[in-house]
Amino acid sequence: MNFIDQELQFFILQSLGLLAIMFPAFCILSIVRNSRAFKKKGKLMWTLVVILLPIIGSFLYLSIGRDQVLNTEVRSDIR
């Protein structure tokens, strides 16, 4: 029974580790692909936030920074 618990703990730890790597990587790729949507220093600022605070920075980017990208795309479609 203890062996199963250790396997489950190891699986959860691996999953969290993978998430901690993939989540910021997704955000950085999004920042790079949508670099025209940011002002000059915005791209650098969001990249540093995501790199220095991987989990929290990724959530911040997706909740705040991604809105900037979407708003810019909507404005460019209207024009």
PDB file of N, CA and C in Angstrom:
ATOM      1  N   MET A   1       0.825  -1.196   0.000  1.00  0.00           N
ATOM      2  CA  MET A   1       0.000   0.000   0.000  1.00  0.00           C
ATOM      3  C   MET A   1       0.869   1.259   0.000  1.00  0.00           C
ATOM      4  N   ASN A   2       1.930   1.247   0.760  1.00  0.00           N
ATOM      5  CA  ASN A   2       2.824   2.396   0.826  1.00  0.00           C
ATOM      6  C   ASN A   2       3.506   2.637  -0.520  1.00  0.00           C
ATOM      7  N   PHE A   3       3.791   1.555  -1.268  1.00  0.00           N
ATOM      8  CA  PHE A   3       4.443   1.675  -2.575  1.00  0.00           C
ATOM      9  C   PHE A   3       3.541   2.417  -3.556  1.00  0.00           C
ATOM     10  N   ILE A   4       2.240   2.142  -3.513  1.00  0.00           N
ATOM     11  CA  ILE A   4       1.292   2.820  -4.398  1.00  0.00           C
ATOM     12  C   ILE A   4       1.229   4.302  -4.049  1.00  0.00           C
ATOM     13  N   ASP A   5       1.255   4.617  -2.797  1.00  0.00           N
ATOM     14  CA  ASP A   5       1.232   6.010  -2.378  1.00  0.00           C
ATOM     15  C   ASP A   5       2.468   6.751  -2.884  1.00  0.00           C
ATOM     16  N   GLN A   6       3.613   6.106  -2.837  1.00  0.00           N
ATOM     17  CA  GLN A   6       4.839   6.729  -3.331  1.00  0.00           C
ATOM     18  C   GLN A   6       4.775   6.926  -4.839  1.00  0.00           C
ATOM     19  N   GLU A   7       4.207   5.964  -5.560  1.00  0.00           N
ATOM     20  CA  GLU A   7       4.059   6.118  -7.006  1.00  0.00           C
ATOM     21  C   GLU A   7       3.120   7.269  -7.345  1.00  0.00           C
ATOM     22  N   LEU A   8       2.039   7.384  -6.605  1.00  0.00           N
ATOM     23  CA  LEU A   8       1.095   8.471  -6.828  1.00  0.00           C
ATOM     24  C   LEU A   8       1.737   9.818  -6.523  1.00  0.00           C
ATOM     25  N   GLN A   9       2.487   9.876  -5.455  1.00  0.00           N
ATOM     26  CA  GLN A   9       3.189  11.109  -5.115  1.00  0.00           C
ATOM     27  C   GLN A   9       4.194  11.483  -6.195  1.00  0.00           C
ATOM     28  N   PHE A  10       4.904  10.506  -6.708  1.00  0.00           N
ATOM     29  CA  PHE A  10       5.886  10.754  -7.759  1.00  0.00           C
ATOM     30  C   PHE A  10       5.198  11.229  -9.038  1.00  0.00           C
ATOM     31  N   PHE A  11       4.055  10.634  -9.388  1.00  0.00           N
ATOM     32  CA  PHE A  11       3.303  11.038 -10.569  1.00  0.00           C
ATOM     33  C   PHE A  11       2.809  12.475 -10.436  1.00  0.00           C
ATOM     34  N   ILE A  12       2.294  12.818  -9.265  1.00  0.00           N
ATOM     35  CA  ILE A  12       1.816  14.182  -9.033  1.00  0.00           C
ATOM     36  C   ILE A  12       2.972  15.174  -9.117  1.00  0.00           C
ATOM     37  N   LEU A  13       4.106  14.824  -8.542  1.00  0.00           N
ATOM     38  CA  LEU A  13       5.277  15.691  -8.590  1.00  0.00           C
ATOM     39  C   LEU A  13       5.773  15.875 -10.024  1.00  0.00           C
ATOM     40  N   GLN A  14       5.796  14.810 -10.806  1.00  0.00           N
ATOM     41  CA  GLN A  14       6.194  14.912 -12.210  1.00  0.00           C
ATOM     42  C   GLN A  14       5.222  15.779 -12.997  1.00  0.00           C
ATOM     43  N   SER A  15       3.941  15.616 -12.752  1.00  0.00           N
ATOM     44  CA  SER A  15       2.925  16.402 -13.454  1.00  0.00           C
ATOM     45  C   SER A  15       3.065  17.883 -13.139  1.00  0.00           C
ATOM     46  N   LEU A  16       3.275  18.200 -11.882  1.00  0.00           N
ATOM     47  CA  LEU A  16       3.460  19.599 -11.495  1.00  0.00           C
ATOM     48  C   LEU A  16       4.741  20.179 -12.089  1.00  0.00           C
ATOM     49  N   GLY A  17       5.794  19.388 -12.126  1.00  0.00           N
ATOM     50  CA  GLY A  17       7.043  19.836 -12.736  1.00  0.00           C
ATOM     51  C   GLY A  17       6.890  20.105 -14.220  1.00  0.00           C
ATOM     52  N   LEU A  18       6.195  19.220 -14.897  1.00  0.00           N
ATOM     53  CA  LEU A  18       5.948  19.415 -16.323  1.00  0.00           C
ATOM     54  C   LEU A  18       5.093  20.654 -16.557  1.00  0.00           C
ATOM     55  N   LEU A  19       4.095  20.856 -15.721  1.00  0.00           N
ATOM     56  CA  LEU A  19       3.250  22.035 -15.826  1.00  0.00           C
ATOM     57  C   LEU A  19       4.053  23.316 -15.579  1.00  0.00           C
ATOM     58  N   ALA A  20       4.966  23.260 -14.621  1.00  0.00           N
ATOM     59  CA  ALA A  20       5.790  24.423 -14.294  1.00  0.00           C
ATOM     60  C   ALA A  20       6.741  24.777 -15.432  1.00  0.00           C
ATOM     61  N   ILE A  21       7.017  23.844 -16.316  1.00  0.00           N
ATOM     62  CA  ILE A  21       7.873  24.115 -17.470  1.00  0.00           C
ATOM     63  C   ILE A  21       7.042  24.509 -18.690  1.00  0.00           C
ATOM     64  N   MET A  22       5.963  23.782 -18.937  1.00  0.00           N
ATOM     65  CA  MET A  22       5.177  23.989 -20.149  1.00  0.00           C
ATOM     66  C   MET A  22       4.330  25.261 -20.104  1.00  0.00           C
ATOM     67  N   PHE A  23       3.781  25.583 -18.960  1.00  0.00           N
ATOM     68  CA  PHE A  23       2.918  26.749 -18.826  1.00  0.00           C
ATOM     69  C   PHE A  23       3.672  28.049 -19.148  1.00  0.00           C
ATOM     70  N   PRO A  24       4.833  28.308 -18.538  1.00  0.00           N
ATOM     71  CA  PRO A  24       5.590  29.505 -18.911  1.00  0.00           C
ATOM     72  C   PRO A  24       6.091  29.461 -20.358  1.00  0.00           C
ATOM     73  N   ALA A  25       6.450  28.276 -20.853  1.00  0.00           N
ATOM     74  CA  ALA A  25       6.911  28.169 -22.242  1.00  0.00           C
ATOM     75  C   ALA A  25       5.800  28.572 -23.205  1.00  0.00           C
ATOM     76  N   PHE A  26       4.578  28.141 -22.929  1.00  0.00           N
ATOM     77  CA  PHE A  26       3.432  28.537 -23.746  1.00  0.00           C
ATOM     78  C   PHE A  26       3.261  30.051 -23.729  1.00  0.00           C
ATOM     79  N   CYS A  27       3.388  30.661 -22.553  1.00  0.00           N
ATOM     80  CA  CYS A  27       3.218  32.110 -22.431  1.00  0.00           C
ATOM     81  C   CYS A  27       4.313  32.863 -23.173  1.00  0.00           C
ATOM     82  N   ILE A  28       5.544  32.402 -23.075  1.00  0.00           N
ATOM     83  CA  ILE A  28       6.646  33.072 -23.780  1.00  0.00           C
ATOM     84  C   ILE A  28       6.462  32.954 -25.289  1.00  0.00           C
ATOM     85  N   LEU A  29       6.038  31.794 -25.767  1.00  0.00           N
ATOM     86  CA  LEU A  29       5.758  31.655 -27.199  1.00  0.00           C
ATOM     87  C   LEU A  29       4.636  32.588 -27.633  1.00  0.00           C
ATOM     88  N   SER A  30       3.636  32.733 -26.813  1.00  0.00           N
ATOM     89  CA  SER A  30       2.540  33.651 -27.120  1.00  0.00           C
ATOM     90  C   SER A  30       3.030  35.096 -27.175  1.00  0.00           C
ATOM     91  N   ILE A  31       3.903  35.464 -26.250  1.00  0.00           N
ATOM     92  CA  ILE A  31       4.460  36.821 -26.237  1.00  0.00           C
ATOM     93  C   ILE A  31       5.267  37.071 -27.502  1.00  0.00           C
ATOM     94  N   VAL A  32       6.095  36.116 -27.887  1.00  0.00           N
ATOM     95  CA  VAL A  32       6.944  36.284 -29.071  1.00  0.00           C
ATOM     96  C   VAL A  32       6.102  36.358 -30.346  1.00  0.00           C
ATOM     97  N   ARG A  33       5.103  35.488 -30.461  1.00  0.00           N
ATOM     98  CA  ARG A  33       4.260  35.476 -31.665  1.00  0.00           C
ATOM     99  C   ARG A  33       3.419  36.734 -31.788  1.00  0.00           C
ATOM    100  N   ASN A  34       3.001  37.304 -30.680  1.00  0.00           N
ATOM    101  CA  ASN A  34       2.132  38.482 -30.703  1.00  0.00           C
ATOM    102  C   ASN A  34       2.892  39.746 -30.326  1.00  0.00           C
ATOM    103  N   SER A  35       4.142  39.824 -30.700  1.00  0.00           N
ATOM    104  CA  SER A  35       4.983  40.950 -30.278  1.00  0.00           C
ATOM    105  C   SER A  35       4.513  42.282 -30.853  1.00  0.00           C
ATOM    106  N   ARG A  36       3.830  42.271 -31.987  1.00  0.00           N
ATOM    107  CA  ARG A  36       3.347  43.526 -32.569  1.00  0.00           C
ATOM    108  C   ARG A  36       2.227  44.135 -31.728  1.00  0.00           C
ATOM    109  N   ALA A  37       1.553  43.332 -30.941  1.00  0.00           N
ATOM    110  CA  ALA A  37       0.436  43.821 -30.132  1.00  0.00           C
ATOM    111  C   ALA A  37       0.897  44.597 -28.904  1.00  0.00           C
ATOM    112  N   PHE A  38       2.153  44.417 -28.515  1.00  0.00           N
ATOM    113  CA  PHE A  38       2.666  45.091 -27.323  1.00  0.00           C
ATOM    114  C   PHE A  38       3.393  46.369 -27.710  1.00  0.00           C
ATOM    115  N   LYS A  39       3.436  47.278 -26.756  1.00  0.00           N
ATOM    116  CA  LYS A  39       4.249  48.474 -26.945  1.00  0.00           C
ATOM    117  C   LYS A  39       5.712  48.063 -26.849  1.00  0.00           C
ATOM    118  N   LYS A  40       6.618  48.988 -27.062  1.00  0.00           N
ATOM    119  CA  LYS A  40       8.050  48.663 -27.145  1.00  0.00           C
ATOM    120  C   LYS A  40       8.555  47.875 -25.937  1.00  0.00           C
ATOM    121  N   LYS A  41       8.263  48.355 -24.740  1.00  0.00           N
ATOM    122  CA  LYS A  41       8.793  47.698 -23.536  1.00  0.00           C
ATOM    123  C   LYS A  41       7.865  46.619 -22.995  1.00  0.00           C
ATOM    124  N   GLY A  42       6.663  46.503 -23.534  1.00  0.00           N
ATOM    125  CA  GLY A  42       5.701  45.529 -23.041  1.00  0.00           C
ATOM    126  C   GLY A  42       6.148  44.097 -23.249  1.00  0.00           C
ATOM    127  N   LYS A  43       6.730  43.838 -24.403  1.00  0.00           N
ATOM    128  CA  LYS A  43       7.203  42.483 -24.708  1.00  0.00           C
ATOM    129  C   LYS A  43       8.302  42.070 -23.731  1.00  0.00           C
ATOM    130  N   LEU A  44       9.256  42.946 -23.504  1.00  0.00           N
ATOM    131  CA  LEU A  44      10.347  42.660 -22.572  1.00  0.00           C
ATOM    132  C   LEU A  44       9.820  42.498 -21.148  1.00  0.00           C
ATOM    133  N   MET A  45       8.899  43.379 -20.756  1.00  0.00           N
ATOM    134  CA  MET A  45       8.354  43.319 -19.408  1.00  0.00           C
ATOM    135  C   MET A  45       7.631  41.991 -19.164  1.00  0.00           C
ATOM    136  N   TRP A  46       6.756  41.578 -20.082  1.00  0.00           N
ATOM    137  CA  TRP A  46       6.016  40.335 -19.892  1.00  0.00           C
ATOM    138  C   TRP A  46       6.934  39.126 -19.935  1.00  0.00           C
ATOM    139  N   THR A  47       7.946  39.163 -20.777  1.00  0.00           N
ATOM    140  CA  THR A  47       8.894  38.050 -20.832  1.00  0.00           C
ATOM    141  C   THR A  47       9.632  37.906 -19.504  1.00  0.00           C
ATOM    142  N   LEU A  48      10.082  39.008 -18.937  1.00  0.00           N
ATOM    143  CA  LEU A  48      10.778  38.967 -17.650  1.00  0.00           C
ATOM    144  C   LEU A  48       9.858  38.506 -16.522  1.00  0.00           C
ATOM    145  N   VAL A  49       8.607  38.963 -16.531  1.00  0.00           N
ATOM    146  CA  VAL A  49       7.656  38.550 -15.497  1.00  0.00           C
ATOM    147  C   VAL A  49       7.449  37.037 -15.548  1.00  0.00           C
ATOM    148  N   VAL A  50       7.285  36.502 -16.764  1.00  0.00           N
ATOM    149  CA  VAL A  50       7.044  35.057 -16.903  1.00  0.00           C
ATOM    150  C   VAL A  50       8.291  34.253 -16.541  1.00  0.00           C
ATOM    151  N   ILE A  51       9.474  34.755 -16.872  1.00  0.00           N
ATOM    152  CA  ILE A  51      10.709  34.022 -16.567  1.00  0.00           C
ATOM    153  C   ILE A  51      11.026  34.077 -15.066  1.00  0.00           C
ATOM    154  N   LEU A  52      10.891  35.247 -14.452  1.00  0.00           N
ATOM    155  CA  LEU A  52      11.267  35.401 -13.049  1.00  0.00           C
ATOM    156  C   LEU A  52      10.234  34.815 -12.080  1.00  0.00           C
ATOM    157  N   LEU A  53       8.968  34.848 -12.462  1.00  0.00           N
ATOM    158  CA  LEU A  53       7.889  34.289 -11.637  1.00  0.00           C
ATOM    159  C   LEU A  53       7.084  33.328 -12.510  1.00  0.00           C
ATOM    160  N   PRO A  54       7.609  32.134 -12.760  1.00  0.00           N
ATOM    161  CA  PRO A  54       7.015  31.269 -13.793  1.00  0.00           C
ATOM    162  C   PRO A  54       5.516  30.995 -13.654  1.00  0.00           C
ATOM    163  N   ILE A  55       5.060  30.541 -12.523  1.00  0.00           N
ATOM    164  CA  ILE A  55       3.648  30.187 -12.385  1.00  0.00           C
ATOM    165  C   ILE A  55       2.795  31.440 -12.229  1.00  0.00           C
ATOM    166  N   ILE A  56       3.139  32.296 -11.293  1.00  0.00           N
ATOM    167  CA  ILE A  56       2.368  33.509 -11.049  1.00  0.00           C
ATOM    168  C   ILE A  56       2.440  34.433 -12.269  1.00  0.00           C
ATOM    169  N   GLY A  57       3.622  34.575 -12.850  1.00  0.00           N
ATOM    170  CA  GLY A  57       3.786  35.413 -14.029  1.00  0.00           C
ATOM    171  C   GLY A  57       2.978  34.917 -15.212  1.00  0.00           C
ATOM    172  N   SER A  58       2.881  33.605 -15.361  1.00  0.00           N
ATOM    173  CA  SER A  58       2.087  33.038 -16.450  1.00  0.00           C
ATOM    174  C   SER A  58       0.608  33.338 -16.251  1.00  0.00           C
ATOM    175  N   PHE A  59       0.131  33.172 -15.016  1.00  0.00           N
ATOM    176  CA  PHE A  59      -1.267  33.509 -14.738  1.00  0.00           C
ATOM    177  C   PHE A  59      -1.523  34.996 -14.973  1.00  0.00           C
ATOM    178  N   LEU A  60      -0.593  35.844 -14.555  1.00  0.00           N
ATOM    179  CA  LEU A  60      -0.745  37.285 -14.779  1.00  0.00           C
ATOM    180  C   LEU A  60      -0.775  37.600 -16.272  1.00  0.00           C
ATOM    181  N   TYR A  61       0.124  36.987 -17.030  1.00  0.00           N
ATOM    182  CA  TYR A  61       0.133  37.239 -18.470  1.00  0.00           C
ATOM    183  C   TYR A  61      -1.180  36.815 -19.111  1.00  0.00           C
ATOM    184  N   LEU A  62      -1.657  35.630 -18.759  1.00  0.00           N
ATOM    185  CA  LEU A  62      -2.889  35.140 -19.370  1.00  0.00           C
ATOM    186  C   LEU A  62      -4.108  35.964 -18.961  1.00  0.00           C
ATOM    187  N   SER A  63      -4.090  36.546 -17.769  1.00  0.00           N
ATOM    188  CA  SER A  63      -5.241  37.321 -17.331  1.00  0.00           C
ATOM    189  C   SER A  63      -5.155  38.790 -17.740  1.00  0.00           C
ATOM    190  N   ILE A  64      -3.956  39.363 -17.791  1.00  0.00           N
ATOM    191  CA  ILE A  64      -3.809  40.792 -18.094  1.00  0.00           C
ATOM    192  C   ILE A  64      -3.198  41.011 -19.476  1.00  0.00           C
ATOM    193  N   GLY A  65      -2.053  40.421 -19.720  1.00  0.00           N
ATOM    194  CA  GLY A  65      -1.317  40.664 -20.962  1.00  0.00           C
ATOM    195  C   GLY A  65      -2.022  40.125 -22.187  1.00  0.00           C
ATOM    196  N   ARG A  66      -2.655  38.999 -22.047  1.00  0.00           N
ATOM    197  CA  ARG A  66      -3.363  38.391 -23.182  1.00  0.00           C
ATOM    198  C   ARG A  66      -4.534  39.266 -23.618  1.00  0.00           C
ATOM    199  N   ASP A  67      -5.153  39.979 -22.657  1.00  0.00           N
ATOM    200  CA  ASP A  67      -6.229  40.911 -22.998  1.00  0.00           C
ATOM    201  C   ASP A  67      -5.715  42.023 -23.904  1.00  0.00           C
ATOM    202  N   GLN A  68      -4.481  42.488 -23.669  1.00  0.00           N
ATOM    203  CA  GLN A  68      -3.888  43.504 -24.534  1.00  0.00           C
ATOM    204  C   GLN A  68      -3.771  42.990 -25.958  1.00  0.00           C
ATOM    205  N   VAL A  69      -3.351  41.749 -26.102  1.00  0.00           N
ATOM    206  CA  VAL A  69      -3.198  41.150 -27.425  1.00  0.00           C
ATOM    207  C   VAL A  69      -4.554  41.034 -28.108  1.00  0.00           C
ATOM    208  N   LEU A  70      -5.543  40.535 -27.389  1.00  0.00           N
ATOM    209  CA  LEU A  70      -6.869  40.351 -27.970  1.00  0.00           C
ATOM    210  C   LEU A  70      -7.511  41.685 -28.321  1.00  0.00           C
ATOM    211  N   ASN A  71      -7.350  42.698 -27.478  1.00  0.00           N
ATOM    212  CA  ASN A  71      -7.905  44.020 -27.766  1.00  0.00           C
ATOM    213  C   ASN A  71      -7.247  44.628 -28.993  1.00  0.00           C
ATOM    214  N   THR A  72      -5.954  44.437 -29.156  1.00  0.00           N
ATOM    215  CA  THR A  72      -5.240  44.959 -30.318  1.00  0.00           C
ATOM    216  C   THR A  72      -5.707  44.260 -31.586  1.00  0.00           C
ATOM    217  N   GLU A  73      -5.917  42.947 -31.514  1.00  0.00           N
ATOM    218  CA  GLU A  73      -6.378  42.198 -32.680  1.00  0.00           C
ATOM    219  C   GLU A  73      -7.778  42.645 -33.079  1.00  0.00           C
ATOM    220  N   VAL A  74      -8.641  42.892 -32.118  1.00  0.00           N
ATOM    221  CA  VAL A  74     -10.006  43.336 -32.416  1.00  0.00           C
ATOM    222  C   VAL A  74      -9.981  44.719 -33.055  1.00  0.00           C
ATOM    223  N   ARG A  75      -9.163  45.626 -32.518  1.00  0.00           N
ATOM    224  CA  ARG A  75      -9.065  46.977 -33.079  1.00  0.00           C
ATOM    225  C   ARG A  75      -8.522  46.934 -34.507  1.00  0.00           C
ATOM    226  N   SER A  76      -7.572  46.061 -34.776  1.00  0.00           N
ATOM    227  CA  SER A  76      -7.009  45.999 -36.132  1.00  0.00           C
ATOM    228  C   SER A  76      -8.008  45.400 -37.115  1.00  0.00           C
ATOM    229  N   ASP A  77      -8.902  44.528 -36.653  1.00  0.00           N
ATOM    230  CA  ASP A  77      -9.924  43.960 -37.525  1.00  0.00           C
ATOM    231  C   ASP A  77     -11.006  44.992 -37.860  1.00  0.00           C
ATOM    232  N   ILE A  78     -11.268  45.887 -36.949  1.00  0.00           N
ATOM    233  CA  ILE A  78     -12.298  46.906 -37.160  1.00  0.00           C
ATOM    234  C   ILE A  78     -11.843  47.921 -38.185  1.00  0.00           C
ATOM    235  N   ARG A  79     -10.569  48.265 -38.182  1.00  0.00           N
ATOM    236  CA  ARG A  79     -10.051  49.293 -39.109  1.00  0.00           C
ATOM    237  C   ARG A  79     -10.016  48.821 -40.497  1.00  0.00           C
TER     238      ARG A  79
END
